Amino acid sequence: VCHSQATTLATCPGGGTSDVVNCSCNAGYIGDGFVCTECAAGTYQSRSKCLNCTVCDAHATTSGSCPAGGTSNAVTCACNAGYVMDGIGCTQCAAGTYQSDSQCLSCTVCDAHATTLTSCPAGGTFNAVKCSCNAGYTGDGIAVGTGCTPCPQGTYQSGNTCSSCRVCHSQATTLATCPGGGTSDVVNCSCNAGYIGDGFVCTECAAGTYQSGSKCLNCTVCGAHATTSGSCPAGGTSNAISCTCNAGYIGSGVGGSGCTQCAAGKYQSDSQCLSCTVCDAHATRSGSCPAGGTSNAITCACNAGYVMDGIGCTQCAAGKYQSGSQCLNCTVCDAHATTLTSCPAGGTFNAVKCSCNAGYTGDGIAVGTGCTPCPQGTYQSGNTCSSC
């Protein structure tokens, strides 16, 4: 009799001489038909054998199953993300590679002048590498791409481009340039003498001004009573104007009040107003000192009977008389003479007159012949001695 899980292919018809029963185990079972054994879970029936179903790798995902009594290997395997092969065996993509379908592809390699911002770890599923060109370089940063190119001289790296550095003004001196490979505009300029500005824009100092540091300062403006020397042309670097007060004036010469006229009674001498001469009360003044004068025009002469320079005058004392600039002694009468007239103070001539006393003859002056007595046998008659 065939097994309960078998199909009877032939039976005994009767009248036969042998057992001709033929059996075949049903699908999922193996045996001779009289004894049939079910293929266990995890196996499947293939002809007369129970074969093991596929066992997926530990890093694979299993799809389908093999229940007991199955007739086909229903299990399929797919390697997990980051792994490749058939699923029965799975190999992880190494660091520096990433899984793409059934392959491990190499990740991007950054240029020698680039920084690797992110890398590809083992078991990655995409190209995670990001490259950034180093300071002063531009490009995609990838070794097999445009790579990284240094910004040339006269430019600097700004973002992912090379921007042109600024250019100094035509009237400026370039102190520093962009050497290439830099990350900022380091150009430094200085306006030339006579100009002001930041060096990229320079403005000439106008006529009447001069450049001092970073400013255009006004040149000196001379006053109405001053003479201007020098000039301040456009683009000058110094205040070349000098002012000199006109004759009769003193001061700096600068501006409206820069020169002051010397007042009447004074005169201008270099940078000062000096007082003109004041004559003595006993002197006669000649000349005058009007306002704005340049010399002491006053002269003084002591009055008659007085001597000195006229600024100071001294009266000739009694017994003296004024002769030119001196007080001279008046005549002194002889001891034997009578003084008839004397020299009062302030006299202008020798007013003394002497007369010899009776019995004497001579001029009566002490320093002259004096007075001599008439000798014996004579007598004084007038200014002579007559014989008796």
Foldseek 3Di string as FASTA:
>chain_A
DFDPQKAWPDADPPPDDDGPIAIGGHQQWADRRNDTDGQAWQWGDDPRDTHGAQDFDPQWDWDATGHIRHHDRGIAIDGHQQWADRRSDTDGQAWQWGDDPRDTHGAFDFAPQWDWPDGGHIRHHDRPTAIGGHFQWADRRTNPGPHTDGFAWQWGDDPRDTHGAADFDPQWDWPDGRHISHHDRPIAIGGHQQWADRRNDTDGQAWQWGDDPRDTHGAFDFEPQWDWDDGGHIRHHDRGIAIGGHQQWAARRTPHPRTDGQAWQWGDDPRDTHGAQDFDPQWDWDDGGHIRHHDRGIAIGGHQQWADRRSDTDGQAWQWGDDPRDTHGAFDFAPQWDWPDGGHIRHHDRPTAIGGHFQWADRRTNPGPHTDGQDPQWGDDPRDTHGD
